[in-house]
Amino acid sequence: MKWNRGPLDRFSHRATRQPMSSLRPLRGLALRIDLVRSGRTVRGLSREFGVTETTIHSWVHQADLDSGRRKDGLTTEERQELTQLRRENARLPEERDILKKAMAWFAQEAARARKTRSDS
C-alpha cells in the first residue's frame, strides 16, 4: 500500500519527528489548519506533513486561542509578552546588585573626599 503524500512529497524522506526550527515554514502555513477543520483526519495530515498528531493538535489549539474560538490558554501574543516579562524579571536582580555596588562605591568615594578635605 502506497501513501499518497500530496504536494509535500518532497518531505517524505525526512524522519517523522523534526526539530521545531525546521518545521517553522510548515507552521507558517498554519499547517493548513483549514484542512483539519474541513474534515481531513489528523492522522492522515500527520503522515502527510511528517509531524506527530500531538503537534497538529497543539497547532490547531493555538490557532483557536489566537482567533478567539477558545479561552482556555494564552494566545501567541500573550505567551510572547509573558516570556519577555520573565526575561526582564530575571534581569532585575542583576541590575539591582550593580546599582547597590555602585552606590557603595560612590559612598566610599564621597567619604574619602570628605576625609581628604577635613585633613587639609
PDB file of N, CA and C in Angstrom:
ATOM      1  N   MET A   1       0.845  -1.177   0.000  1.00  0.00           N
ATOM      2  CA  MET A   1       0.000   0.000   0.000  1.00  0.00           C
ATOM      3  C   MET A   1       0.888   1.236   0.000  1.00  0.00           C
ATOM      4  N   LYS A   2       0.684   2.152  -0.930  1.00  0.00           N
ATOM      5  CA  LYS A   2       1.483   3.365  -1.035  1.00  0.00           C
ATOM      6  C   LYS A   2       0.664   4.543  -0.530  1.00  0.00           C
ATOM      7  N   TRP A   3       1.299   5.346   0.349  1.00  0.00           N
ATOM      8  CA  TRP A   3       0.620   6.505   0.892  1.00  0.00           C
ATOM      9  C   TRP A   3       0.695   7.650  -0.100  1.00  0.00           C
ATOM     10  N   ASN A   4      -0.403   8.307  -0.306  1.00  0.00           N
ATOM     11  CA  ASN A   4      -0.439   9.488  -1.148  1.00  0.00           C
ATOM     12  C   ASN A   4      -0.057  10.681  -0.292  1.00  0.00           C
ATOM     13  N   ARG A   5       1.132  11.199  -0.493  1.00  0.00           N
ATOM     14  CA  ARG A   5       1.630  12.290   0.339  1.00  0.00           C
ATOM     15  C   ARG A   5       1.262  13.659  -0.196  1.00  0.00           C
ATOM     16  N   GLY A   6       0.729  13.748  -1.367  1.00  0.00           N
ATOM     17  CA  GLY A   6       0.262  15.020  -1.892  1.00  0.00           C
ATOM     18  C   GLY A   6       1.390  15.970  -2.249  1.00  0.00           C
ATOM     19  N   PRO A   7       1.141  17.286  -2.110  1.00  0.00           N
ATOM     20  CA  PRO A   7       2.084  18.292  -2.583  1.00  0.00           C
ATOM     21  C   PRO A   7       3.392  18.331  -1.796  1.00  0.00           C
ATOM     22  N   LEU A   8       3.418  17.728  -0.621  1.00  0.00           N
ATOM     23  CA  LEU A   8       4.630  17.766   0.189  1.00  0.00           C
ATOM     24  C   LEU A   8       5.425  16.478   0.083  1.00  0.00           C
ATOM     25  N   ASP A   9       5.310  15.782  -1.038  1.00  0.00           N
ATOM     26  CA  ASP A   9       6.012  14.514  -1.241  1.00  0.00           C
ATOM     27  C   ASP A   9       7.514  14.674  -1.104  1.00  0.00           C
ATOM     28  N   ARG A  10       8.040  15.861  -1.396  1.00  0.00           N
ATOM     29  CA  ARG A  10       9.485  16.054  -1.299  1.00  0.00           C
ATOM     30  C   ARG A  10       9.985  15.940   0.141  1.00  0.00           C
ATOM     31  N   PHE A  11       9.074  16.010   1.125  1.00  0.00           N
ATOM     32  CA  PHE A  11       9.459  15.872   2.519  1.00  0.00           C
ATOM     33  C   PHE A  11       9.391  14.425   3.004  1.00  0.00           C
ATOM     34  N   SER A  12       9.004  13.496   2.141  1.00  0.00           N
ATOM     35  CA  SER A  12       8.769  12.126   2.577  1.00  0.00           C
ATOM     36  C   SER A  12      10.037  11.424   3.039  1.00  0.00           C
ATOM     37  N   HIS A  13      11.220  11.914   2.639  1.00  0.00           N
ATOM     38  CA  HIS A  13      12.464  11.276   3.047  1.00  0.00           C
ATOM     39  C   HIS A  13      12.868  11.655   4.465  1.00  0.00           C
ATOM     40  N   ARG A  14      12.220  12.648   5.044  1.00  0.00           N
ATOM     41  CA  ARG A  14      12.571  13.102   6.386  1.00  0.00           C
ATOM     42  C   ARG A  14      11.968  12.200   7.446  1.00  0.00           C
ATOM     43  N   ALA A  15      12.584  12.203   8.599  1.00  0.00           N
ATOM     44  CA  ALA A  15      12.053  11.447   9.731  1.00  0.00           C
ATOM     45  C   ALA A  15      10.739  12.083  10.180  1.00  0.00           C
ATOM     46  N   THR A  16       9.921  11.316  10.877  1.00  0.00           N
ATOM     47  CA  THR A  16       8.624  11.849  11.290  1.00  0.00           C
ATOM     48  C   THR A  16       8.757  12.895  12.391  1.00  0.00           C
ATOM     49  N   ARG A  17       9.792  12.818  13.198  1.00  0.00           N
ATOM     50  CA  ARG A  17       9.971  13.821  14.249  1.00  0.00           C
ATOM     51  C   ARG A  17      11.048  14.785  13.818  1.00  0.00           C
ATOM     52  N   GLN A  18      10.720  16.057  13.810  1.00  0.00           N
ATOM     53  CA  GLN A  18      11.620  17.107  13.349  1.00  0.00           C
ATOM     54  C   GLN A  18      11.823  18.122  14.473  1.00  0.00           C
ATOM     55  N   PRO A  19      12.994  18.747  14.513  1.00  0.00           N
ATOM     56  CA  PRO A  19      13.148  19.850  15.457  1.00  0.00           C
ATOM     57  C   PRO A  19      12.199  20.983  15.060  1.00  0.00           C
ATOM     58  N   MET A  20      11.732  21.724  16.037  1.00  0.00           N
ATOM     59  CA  MET A  20      10.756  22.774  15.764  1.00  0.00           C
ATOM     60  C   MET A  20      11.284  23.795  14.760  1.00  0.00           C
ATOM     61  N   SER A  21      12.590  24.102  14.794  1.00  0.00           N
ATOM     62  CA  SER A  21      13.117  25.128  13.892  1.00  0.00           C
ATOM     63  C   SER A  21      12.931  24.733  12.434  1.00  0.00           C
ATOM     64  N   SER A  22      13.010  23.446  12.114  1.00  0.00           N
ATOM     65  CA  SER A  22      12.846  23.041  10.722  1.00  0.00           C
ATOM     66  C   SER A  22      11.373  22.971  10.322  1.00  0.00           C
ATOM     67  N   LEU A  23      10.477  23.016  11.295  1.00  0.00           N
ATOM     68  CA  LEU A  23       9.050  22.970  10.996  1.00  0.00           C
ATOM     69  C   LEU A  23       8.430  24.354  10.904  1.00  0.00           C
ATOM     70  N   ARG A  24       9.176  25.394  11.208  1.00  0.00           N
ATOM     71  CA  ARG A  24       8.616  26.741  11.191  1.00  0.00           C
ATOM     72  C   ARG A  24       7.999  27.095   9.843  1.00  0.00           C
ATOM     73  N   PRO A  25       8.625  26.751   8.699  1.00  0.00           N
ATOM     74  CA  PRO A  25       7.952  27.075   7.438  1.00  0.00           C
ATOM     75  C   PRO A  25       6.593  26.393   7.308  1.00  0.00           C
ATOM     76  N   LEU A  26       6.495  25.146   7.759  1.00  0.00           N
ATOM     77  CA  LEU A  26       5.202  24.463   7.701  1.00  0.00           C
ATOM     78  C   LEU A  26       4.223  25.103   8.661  1.00  0.00           C
ATOM     79  N   ARG A  27       4.736  25.508   9.830  1.00  0.00           N
ATOM     80  CA  ARG A  27       3.861  26.150  10.790  1.00  0.00           C
ATOM     81  C   ARG A  27       3.423  27.499  10.250  1.00  0.00           C
ATOM     82  N   GLY A  28       4.289  28.163   9.493  1.00  0.00           N
ATOM     83  CA  GLY A  28       3.937  29.436   8.884  1.00  0.00           C
ATOM     84  C   GLY A  28       2.720  29.289   7.991  1.00  0.00           C
ATOM     85  N   LEU A  29       2.582  28.154   7.407  1.00  0.00           N
ATOM     86  CA  LEU A  29       1.395  27.874   6.599  1.00  0.00           C
ATOM     87  C   LEU A  29       0.218  27.505   7.491  1.00  0.00           C
ATOM     88  N   ALA A  30       0.481  27.527   8.798  1.00  0.00           N
ATOM     89  CA  ALA A  30      -0.506  27.133   9.809  1.00  0.00           C
ATOM     90  C   ALA A  30      -0.946  25.702   9.583  1.00  0.00           C
ATOM     91  N   LEU A  31      -0.045  24.937   8.950  1.00  0.00           N
ATOM     92  CA  LEU A  31      -0.267  23.515   8.689  1.00  0.00           C
ATOM     93  C   LEU A  31      -1.633  23.273   8.072  1.00  0.00           C
ATOM     94  N   ARG A  32      -2.040  24.274   7.334  1.00  0.00           N
ATOM     95  CA  ARG A  32      -3.342  24.186   6.667  1.00  0.00           C
ATOM     96  C   ARG A  32      -4.402  23.738   7.663  1.00  0.00           C
ATOM     97  N   ILE A  33      -4.464  24.492   8.749  1.00  0.00           N
ATOM     98  CA  ILE A  33      -5.435  24.185   9.797  1.00  0.00           C
ATOM     99  C   ILE A  33      -6.826  24.062   9.214  1.00  0.00           C
ATOM    100  N   ASP A  34      -7.037  24.771   8.132  1.00  0.00           N
ATOM    101  CA  ASP A  34      -8.335  24.647   7.468  1.00  0.00           C
ATOM    102  C   ASP A  34      -8.571  23.223   6.982  1.00  0.00           C
ATOM    103  N   LEU A  35      -7.477  22.480   6.690  1.00  0.00           N
ATOM    104  CA  LEU A  35      -7.644  21.074   6.285  1.00  0.00           C
ATOM    105  C   LEU A  35      -8.215  20.240   7.430  1.00  0.00           C
ATOM    106  N   VAL A  36      -7.736  20.502   8.643  1.00  0.00           N
ATOM    107  CA  VAL A  36      -8.268  19.782   9.809  1.00  0.00           C
ATOM    108  C   VAL A  36      -9.721  20.152  10.007  1.00  0.00           C
ATOM    109  N   ARG A  37     -10.003  21.443   9.896  1.00  0.00           N
ATOM    110  CA  ARG A  37     -11.371  21.910  10.114  1.00  0.00           C
ATOM    111  C   ARG A  37     -12.308  21.473   8.998  1.00  0.00           C
ATOM    112  N   SER A  38     -11.751  21.191   7.826  1.00  0.00           N
ATOM    113  CA  SER A  38     -12.604  20.773   6.717  1.00  0.00           C
ATOM    114  C   SER A  38     -12.910  19.281   6.751  1.00  0.00           C
ATOM    115  N   GLY A  39     -12.339  18.572   7.722  1.00  0.00           N
ATOM    116  CA  GLY A  39     -12.682  17.166   7.863  1.00  0.00           C
ATOM    117  C   GLY A  39     -11.540  16.193   7.619  1.00  0.00           C
ATOM    118  N   ARG A  40     -10.394  16.685   7.178  1.00  0.00           N
ATOM    119  CA  ARG A  40      -9.255  15.788   6.997  1.00  0.00           C
ATOM    120  C   ARG A  40      -8.834  15.255   8.361  1.00  0.00           C
ATOM    121  N   THR A  41      -8.411  14.011   8.410  1.00  0.00           N
ATOM    122  CA  THR A  41      -8.035  13.418   9.695  1.00  0.00           C
ATOM    123  C   THR A  41      -6.665  13.902  10.120  1.00  0.00           C
ATOM    124  N   VAL A  42      -6.507  14.042  11.424  1.00  0.00           N
ATOM    125  CA  VAL A  42      -5.228  14.461  11.985  1.00  0.00           C
ATOM    126  C   VAL A  42      -4.170  13.398  11.684  1.00  0.00           C
ATOM    127  N   ARG A  43      -4.555  12.148  11.767  1.00  0.00           N
ATOM    128  CA  ARG A  43      -3.614  11.060  11.486  1.00  0.00           C
ATOM    129  C   ARG A  43      -3.094  11.154  10.042  1.00  0.00           C
ATOM    130  N   GLY A  44      -3.993  11.368   9.102  1.00  0.00           N
ATOM    131  CA  GLY A  44      -3.589  11.485   7.698  1.00  0.00           C
ATOM    132  C   GLY A  44      -2.691  12.683   7.454  1.00  0.00           C
ATOM    133  N   LEU A  45      -3.036  13.812   8.077  1.00  0.00           N
ATOM    134  CA  LEU A  45      -2.215  15.012   7.918  1.00  0.00           C
ATOM    135  C   LEU A  45      -0.848  14.838   8.572  1.00  0.00           C
ATOM    136  N   SER A  46      -0.809  14.128   9.698  1.00  0.00           N
ATOM    137  CA  SER A  46       0.487  13.920  10.357  1.00  0.00           C
ATOM    138  C   SER A  46       1.406  13.083   9.480  1.00  0.00           C
ATOM    139  N   ARG A  47       0.858  12.114   8.816  1.00  0.00           N
ATOM    140  CA  ARG A  47       1.671  11.317   7.885  1.00  0.00           C
ATOM    141  C   ARG A  47       2.103  12.151   6.690  1.00  0.00           C
ATOM    142  N   GLU A  48       1.185  12.957   6.182  1.00  0.00           N
ATOM    143  CA  GLU A  48       1.469  13.765   5.001  1.00  0.00           C
ATOM    144  C   GLU A  48       2.557  14.804   5.263  1.00  0.00           C
ATOM    145  N   PHE A  49       2.479  15.453   6.431  1.00  0.00           N
ATOM    146  CA  PHE A  49       3.426  16.513   6.737  1.00  0.00           C
ATOM    147  C   PHE A  49       4.643  16.024   7.507  1.00  0.00           C
ATOM    148  N   GLY A  50       4.618  14.785   7.975  1.00  0.00           N
ATOM    149  CA  GLY A  50       5.763  14.243   8.697  1.00  0.00           C
ATOM    150  C   GLY A  50       5.929  14.803  10.094  1.00  0.00           C
ATOM    151  N   VAL A  51       4.814  15.112  10.754  1.00  0.00           N
ATOM    152  CA  VAL A  51       4.838  15.587  12.143  1.00  0.00           C
ATOM    153  C   VAL A  51       3.916  14.696  12.963  1.00  0.00           C
ATOM    154  N   THR A  52       4.028  14.801  14.271  1.00  0.00           N
ATOM    155  CA  THR A  52       3.198  13.964  15.128  1.00  0.00           C
ATOM    156  C   THR A  52       1.774  14.512  15.201  1.00  0.00           C
ATOM    157  N   GLU A  53       0.862  13.641  15.556  1.00  0.00           N
ATOM    158  CA  GLU A  53      -0.537  14.058  15.720  1.00  0.00           C
ATOM    159  C   GLU A  53      -0.658  15.088  16.837  1.00  0.00           C
ATOM    160  N   THR A  54       0.134  14.900  17.893  1.00  0.00           N
ATOM    161  CA  THR A  54       0.105  15.841  19.011  1.00  0.00           C
ATOM    162  C   THR A  54       0.493  17.236  18.553  1.00  0.00           C
ATOM    163  N   THR A  55       1.479  17.319  17.666  1.00  0.00           N
ATOM    164  CA  THR A  55       1.904  18.614  17.139  1.00  0.00           C
ATOM    165  C   THR A  55       0.762  19.286  16.396  1.00  0.00           C
ATOM    166  N   ILE A  56       0.076  18.539  15.565  1.00  0.00           N
ATOM    167  CA  ILE A  56      -1.051  19.110  14.819  1.00  0.00           C
ATOM    168  C   ILE A  56      -2.139  19.571  15.774  1.00  0.00           C
ATOM    169  N   HIS A  57      -2.454  18.739  16.777  1.00  0.00           N
ATOM    170  CA  HIS A  57      -3.473  19.133  17.757  1.00  0.00           C
ATOM    171  C   HIS A  57      -3.067  20.424  18.470  1.00  0.00           C
ATOM    172  N   SER A  58      -1.796  20.537  18.833  1.00  0.00           N
ATOM    173  CA  SER A  58      -1.369  21.739  19.559  1.00  0.00           C
ATOM    174  C   SER A  58      -1.414  22.967  18.649  1.00  0.00           C
ATOM    175  N   TRP A  59      -1.091  22.805  17.362  1.00  0.00           N
ATOM    176  CA  TRP A  59      -1.175  23.935  16.441  1.00  0.00           C
ATOM    177  C   TRP A  59      -2.615  24.379  16.241  1.00  0.00           C
ATOM    178  N   VAL A  60      -3.525  23.437  16.123  1.00  0.00           N
ATOM    179  CA  VAL A  60      -4.944  23.779  15.972  1.00  0.00           C
ATOM    180  C   VAL A  60      -5.441  24.467  17.243  1.00  0.00           C
ATOM    181  N   HIS A  61      -5.043  23.924  18.389  1.00  0.00           N
ATOM    182  CA  HIS A  61      -5.430  24.510  19.672  1.00  0.00           C
ATOM    183  C   HIS A  61      -4.924  25.951  19.764  1.00  0.00           C
ATOM    184  N   GLN A  62      -3.658  26.178  19.391  1.00  0.00           N
ATOM    185  CA  GLN A  62      -3.093  27.526  19.456  1.00  0.00           C
ATOM    186  C   GLN A  62      -3.791  28.460  18.476  1.00  0.00           C
ATOM    187  N   ALA A  63      -4.111  27.979  17.299  1.00  0.00           N
ATOM    188  CA  ALA A  63      -4.826  28.804  16.317  1.00  0.00           C
ATOM    189  C   ALA A  63      -6.209  29.183  16.851  1.00  0.00           C
ATOM    190  N   ASP A  64      -6.854  28.246  17.536  1.00  0.00           N
ATOM    191  CA  ASP A  64      -8.163  28.537  18.135  1.00  0.00           C
ATOM    192  C   ASP A  64      -8.034  29.593  19.231  1.00  0.00           C
ATOM    193  N   LEU A  65      -6.979  29.526  20.025  1.00  0.00           N
ATOM    194  CA  LEU A  65      -6.752  30.540  21.059  1.00  0.00           C
ATOM    195  C   LEU A  65      -6.505  31.902  20.425  1.00  0.00           C
ATOM    196  N   ASP A  66      -5.666  31.924  19.386  1.00  0.00           N
ATOM    197  CA  ASP A  66      -5.329  33.190  18.736  1.00  0.00           C
ATOM    198  C   ASP A  66      -6.527  33.823  18.054  1.00  0.00           C
ATOM    199  N   SER A  67      -7.420  33.011  17.525  1.00  0.00           N
ATOM    200  CA  SER A  67      -8.583  33.547  16.814  1.00  0.00           C
ATOM    201  C   SER A  67      -9.751  33.865  17.746  1.00  0.00           C
ATOM    202  N   GLY A  68      -9.647  33.476  19.014  1.00  0.00           N
ATOM    203  CA  GLY A  68     -10.711  33.763  19.966  1.00  0.00           C
ATOM    204  C   GLY A  68     -11.760  32.673  20.070  1.00  0.00           C
ATOM    205  N   ARG A  69     -11.550  31.572  19.366  1.00  0.00           N
ATOM    206  CA  ARG A  69     -12.511  30.463  19.449  1.00  0.00           C
ATOM    207  C   ARG A  69     -12.455  29.770  20.804  1.00  0.00           C
ATOM    208  N   ARG A  70     -11.286  29.827  21.440  1.00  0.00           N
ATOM    209  CA  ARG A  70     -11.094  29.210  22.761  1.00  0.00           C
ATOM    210  C   ARG A  70     -10.569  30.255  23.720  1.00  0.00           C
ATOM    211  N   LYS A  71     -10.788  30.019  24.996  1.00  0.00           N
ATOM    212  CA  LYS A  71     -10.321  30.941  26.035  1.00  0.00           C
ATOM    213  C   LYS A  71      -9.555  30.198  27.125  1.00  0.00           C
ATOM    214  N   ASP A  72      -9.185  28.943  26.889  1.00  0.00           N
ATOM    215  CA  ASP A  72      -8.573  28.114  27.931  1.00  0.00           C
ATOM    216  C   ASP A  72      -7.041  28.083  27.857  1.00  0.00           C
ATOM    217  N   GLY A  73      -6.438  29.185  27.448  1.00  0.00           N
ATOM    218  CA  GLY A  73      -4.988  29.248  27.373  1.00  0.00           C
ATOM    219  C   GLY A  73      -4.543  30.626  26.920  1.00  0.00           C
ATOM    220  N   LEU A  74      -3.232  30.771  26.731  1.00  0.00           N
ATOM    221  CA  LEU A  74      -2.663  32.042  26.312  1.00  0.00           C
ATOM    222  C   LEU A  74      -2.560  32.118  24.798  1.00  0.00           C
ATOM    223  N   THR A  75      -2.840  33.297  24.255  1.00  0.00           N
ATOM    224  CA  THR A  75      -2.633  33.499  22.821  1.00  0.00           C
ATOM    225  C   THR A  75      -1.131  33.588  22.569  1.00  0.00           C
ATOM    226  N   THR A  76      -0.744  33.520  21.317  1.00  0.00           N
ATOM    227  CA  THR A  76       0.676  33.621  20.967  1.00  0.00           C
ATOM    228  C   THR A  76       1.239  34.954  21.445  1.00  0.00           C
ATOM    229  N   GLU A  77       0.479  36.007  21.272  1.00  0.00           N
ATOM    230  CA  GLU A  77       0.918  37.337  21.708  1.00  0.00           C
ATOM    231  C   GLU A  77       1.106  37.384  23.223  1.00  0.00           C
ATOM    232  N   GLU A  78       0.153  36.823  23.971  1.00  0.00           N
ATOM    233  CA  GLU A  78       0.266  36.798  25.430  1.00  0.00           C
ATOM    234  C   GLU A  78       1.449  35.951  25.873  1.00  0.00           C
ATOM    235  N   ARG A  79       1.681  34.845  25.191  1.00  0.00           N
ATOM    236  CA  ARG A  79       2.803  33.966  25.516  1.00  0.00           C
ATOM    237  C   ARG A  79       4.140  34.681  25.287  1.00  0.00           C
ATOM    238  N   GLN A  80       4.230  35.450  24.178  1.00  0.00           N
ATOM    239  CA  GLN A  80       5.445  36.207  23.898  1.00  0.00           C
ATOM    240  C   GLN A  80       5.662  37.295  24.945  1.00  0.00           C
ATOM    241  N   GLU A  81       4.581  37.964  25.335  1.00  0.00           N
ATOM    242  CA  GLU A  81       4.685  39.001  26.358  1.00  0.00           C
ATOM    243  C   GLU A  81       5.129  38.407  27.686  1.00  0.00           C
ATOM    244  N   LEU A  82       4.574  37.262  28.050  1.00  0.00           N
ATOM    245  CA  LEU A  82       4.951  36.593  29.283  1.00  0.00           C
ATOM    246  C   LEU A  82       6.432  36.209  29.273  1.00  0.00           C
ATOM    247  N   THR A  83       6.907  35.702  28.149  1.00  0.00           N
ATOM    248  CA  THR A  83       8.320  35.344  28.019  1.00  0.00           C
ATOM    249  C   THR A  83       9.202  36.569  28.192  1.00  0.00           C
ATOM    250  N   GLN A  84       8.810  37.675  27.572  1.00  0.00           N
ATOM    251  CA  GLN A  84       9.578  38.917  27.687  1.00  0.00           C
ATOM    252  C   GLN A  84       9.595  39.410  29.132  1.00  0.00           C
ATOM    253  N   LEU A  85       8.449  39.374  29.793  1.00  0.00           N
ATOM    254  CA  LEU A  85       8.376  39.832  31.183  1.00  0.00           C
ATOM    255  C   LEU A  85       9.212  38.953  32.112  1.00  0.00           C
ATOM    256  N   ARG A  86       9.220  37.653  31.865  1.00  0.00           N
ATOM    257  CA  ARG A  86      10.042  36.759  32.685  1.00  0.00           C
ATOM    258  C   ARG A  86      11.521  37.064  32.502  1.00  0.00           C
ATOM    259  N   ARG A  87      11.918  37.353  31.245  1.00  0.00           N
ATOM    260  CA  ARG A  87      13.315  37.722  30.986  1.00  0.00           C
ATOM    261  C   ARG A  87      13.681  39.001  31.737  1.00  0.00           C
ATOM    262  N   GLU A  88      12.790  39.990  31.659  1.00  0.00           N
ATOM    263  CA  GLU A  88      13.041  41.253  32.355  1.00  0.00           C
ATOM    264  C   GLU A  88      13.110  41.038  33.859  1.00  0.00           C
ATOM    265  N   ASN A  89      12.217  40.221  34.402  1.00  0.00           N
ATOM    266  CA  ASN A  89      12.231  39.945  35.838  1.00  0.00           C
ATOM    267  C   ASN A  89      13.506  39.233  36.266  1.00  0.00           C
ATOM    268  N   ALA A  90      14.043  38.390  35.408  1.00  0.00           N
ATOM    269  CA  ALA A  90      15.290  37.705  35.732  1.00  0.00           C
ATOM    270  C   ALA A  90      16.462  38.687  35.738  1.00  0.00           C
ATOM    271  N   ARG A  91      16.381  39.715  34.913  1.00  0.00           N
ATOM    272  CA  ARG A  91      17.458  40.692  34.807  1.00  0.00           C
ATOM    273  C   ARG A  91      17.428  41.704  35.954  1.00  0.00           C
ATOM    274  N   LEU A  92      16.278  41.953  36.556  1.00  0.00           N
ATOM    275  CA  LEU A  92      16.144  42.974  37.596  1.00  0.00           C
ATOM    276  C   LEU A  92      17.060  42.758  38.797  1.00  0.00           C
ATOM    277  N   PRO A  93      17.189  41.549  39.350  1.00  0.00           N
ATOM    278  CA  PRO A  93      18.110  41.379  40.476  1.00  0.00           C
ATOM    279  C   PRO A  93      19.563  41.709  40.108  1.00  0.00           C
ATOM    280  N   GLU A  94      19.959  41.381  38.889  1.00  0.00           N
ATOM    281  CA  GLU A  94      21.316  41.711  38.454  1.00  0.00           C
ATOM    282  C   GLU A  94      21.510  43.220  38.428  1.00  0.00           C
ATOM    283  N   GLU A  95      20.532  43.934  37.881  1.00  0.00           N
ATOM    284  CA  GLU A  95      20.624  45.387  37.825  1.00  0.00           C
ATOM    285  C   GLU A  95      20.630  45.985  39.224  1.00  0.00           C
ATOM    286  N   ARG A  96      19.810  45.429  40.114  1.00  0.00           N
ATOM    287  CA  ARG A  96      19.767  45.912  41.491  1.00  0.00           C
ATOM    288  C   ARG A  96      21.123  45.731  42.163  1.00  0.00           C
ATOM    289  N   ASP A  97      21.760  44.565  41.953  1.00  0.00           N
ATOM    290  CA  ASP A  97      23.065  44.306  42.557  1.00  0.00           C
ATOM    291  C   ASP A  97      24.120  45.264  42.026  1.00  0.00           C
ATOM    292  N   ILE A  98      24.069  45.558  40.726  1.00  0.00           N
ATOM    293  CA  ILE A  98      25.015  46.506  40.138  1.00  0.00           C
ATOM    294  C   ILE A  98      24.820  47.885  40.758  1.00  0.00           C
ATOM    295  N   LEU A  99      23.559  48.303  40.899  1.00  0.00           N
ATOM    296  CA  LEU A  99      23.284  49.614  41.497  1.00  0.00           C
ATOM    297  C   LEU A  99      23.720  49.667  42.962  1.00  0.00           C
ATOM    298  N   LYS A 100      23.543  48.580  43.697  1.00  0.00           N
ATOM    299  CA  LYS A 100      23.991  48.535  45.101  1.00  0.00           C
ATOM    300  C   LYS A 100      25.510  48.732  45.175  1.00  0.00           C
ATOM    301  N   LYS A 101      26.230  48.027  44.304  1.00  0.00           N
ATOM    302  CA  LYS A 101      27.693  48.129  44.306  1.00  0.00           C
ATOM    303  C   LYS A 101      28.128  49.533  43.901  1.00  0.00           C
ATOM    304  N   ALA A 102      27.454  50.119  42.933  1.00  0.00           N
ATOM    305  CA  ALA A 102      27.791  51.472  42.505  1.00  0.00           C
ATOM    306  C   ALA A 102      27.520  52.469  43.626  1.00  0.00           C
ATOM    307  N   MET A 103      26.398  52.291  44.302  1.00  0.00           N
ATOM    308  CA  MET A 103      26.055  53.175  45.397  1.00  0.00           C
ATOM    309  C   MET A 103      27.093  53.075  46.519  1.00  0.00           C
ATOM    310  N   ALA A 104      27.503  51.852  46.826  1.00  0.00           N
ATOM    311  CA  ALA A 104      28.518  51.662  47.867  1.00  0.00           C
ATOM    312  C   ALA A 104      29.842  52.304  47.445  1.00  0.00           C
ATOM    313  N   TRP A 105      30.207  52.166  46.186  1.00  0.00           N
ATOM    314  CA  TRP A 105      31.462  52.745  45.710  1.00  0.00           C
ATOM    315  C   TRP A 105      31.408  54.274  45.798  1.00  0.00           C
ATOM    316  N   PHE A 106      30.282  54.875  45.343  1.00  0.00           N
ATOM    317  CA  PHE A 106      30.156  56.334  45.409  1.00  0.00           C
ATOM    318  C   PHE A 106      30.145  56.815  46.853  1.00  0.00           C
ATOM    319  N   ALA A 107      29.519  56.076  47.746  1.00  0.00           N
ATOM    320  CA  ALA A 107      29.508  56.453  49.159  1.00  0.00           C
ATOM    321  C   ALA A 107      30.924  56.408  49.713  1.00  0.00           C
ATOM    322  N   GLN A 108      31.688  55.389  49.330  1.00  0.00           N
ATOM    323  CA  GLN A 108      33.079  55.283  49.775  1.00  0.00           C
ATOM    324  C   GLN A 108      33.913  56.444  49.237  1.00  0.00           C
ATOM    325  N   GLU A 109      33.727  56.770  47.966  1.00  0.00           N
ATOM    326  CA  GLU A 109      34.465  57.879  47.351  1.00  0.00           C
ATOM    327  C   GLU A 109      34.092  59.195  48.013  1.00  0.00           C
ATOM    328  N   ALA A 110      32.828  59.386  48.328  1.00  0.00           N
ATOM    329  CA  ALA A 110      32.381  60.616  48.992  1.00  0.00           C
ATOM    330  C   ALA A 110      33.003  60.720  50.381  1.00  0.00           C
ATOM    331  N   ALA A 111      33.087  59.602  51.093  1.00  0.00           N
ATOM    332  CA  ALA A 111      33.694  59.588  52.428  1.00  0.00           C
ATOM    333  C   ALA A 111      35.177  59.916  52.330  1.00  0.00           C
ATOM    334  N   ARG A 112      35.856  59.385  51.320  1.00  0.00           N
ATOM    335  CA  ARG A 112      37.288  59.678  51.118  1.00  0.00           C
ATOM    336  C   ARG A 112      37.477  61.165  50.805  1.00  0.00           C
ATOM    337  N   ALA A 113      36.593  61.686  49.968  1.00  0.00           N
ATOM    338  CA  ALA A 113      36.706  63.092  49.591  1.00  0.00           C
ATOM    339  C   ALA A 113      36.485  63.984  50.804  1.00  0.00           C
ATOM    340  N   ARG A 114      35.532  63.666  51.655  1.00  0.00           N
ATOM    341  CA  ARG A 114      35.284  64.432  52.874  1.00  0.00           C
ATOM    342  C   ARG A 114      36.482  64.348  53.802  1.00  0.00           C
ATOM    343  N   LYS A 115      37.077  63.172  53.897  1.00  0.00           N
ATOM    344  CA  LYS A 115      38.218  62.951  54.782  1.00  0.00           C
ATOM    345  C   LYS A 115      39.417  63.760  54.309  1.00  0.00           C
ATOM    346  N   THR A 116      39.671  63.729  52.994  1.00  0.00           N
ATOM    347  CA  THR A 116      40.809  64.492  52.484  1.00  0.00           C
ATOM    348  C   THR A 116      40.582  65.989  52.630  1.00  0.00           C
ATOM    349  N   ARG A 117      39.338  66.467  52.506  1.00  0.00           N
ATOM    350  CA  ARG A 117      39.048  67.889  52.707  1.00  0.00           C
ATOM    351  C   ARG A 117      39.219  68.264  54.163  1.00  0.00           C
ATOM    352  N   SER A 118      38.818  67.385  55.083  1.00  0.00           N
ATOM    353  CA  SER A 118      38.928  67.689  56.507  1.00  0.00           C
ATOM    354  C   SER A 118      40.378  67.616  56.979  1.00  0.00           C
ATOM    355  N   ASP A 119      41.205  66.805  56.290  1.00  0.00           N
ATOM    356  CA  ASP A 119      42.614  66.687  56.649  1.00  0.00           C
ATOM    357  C   ASP A 119      43.410  67.902  56.170  1.00  0.00           C
ATOM    358  N   SER A 120      42.924  68.612  55.182  1.00  0.00           N
ATOM    359  CA  SER A 120      43.688  69.725  54.646  1.00  0.00           C
ATOM    360  C   SER A 120      43.527  70.990  55.406  1.00  0.00           C
TER     361      SER A 120
END
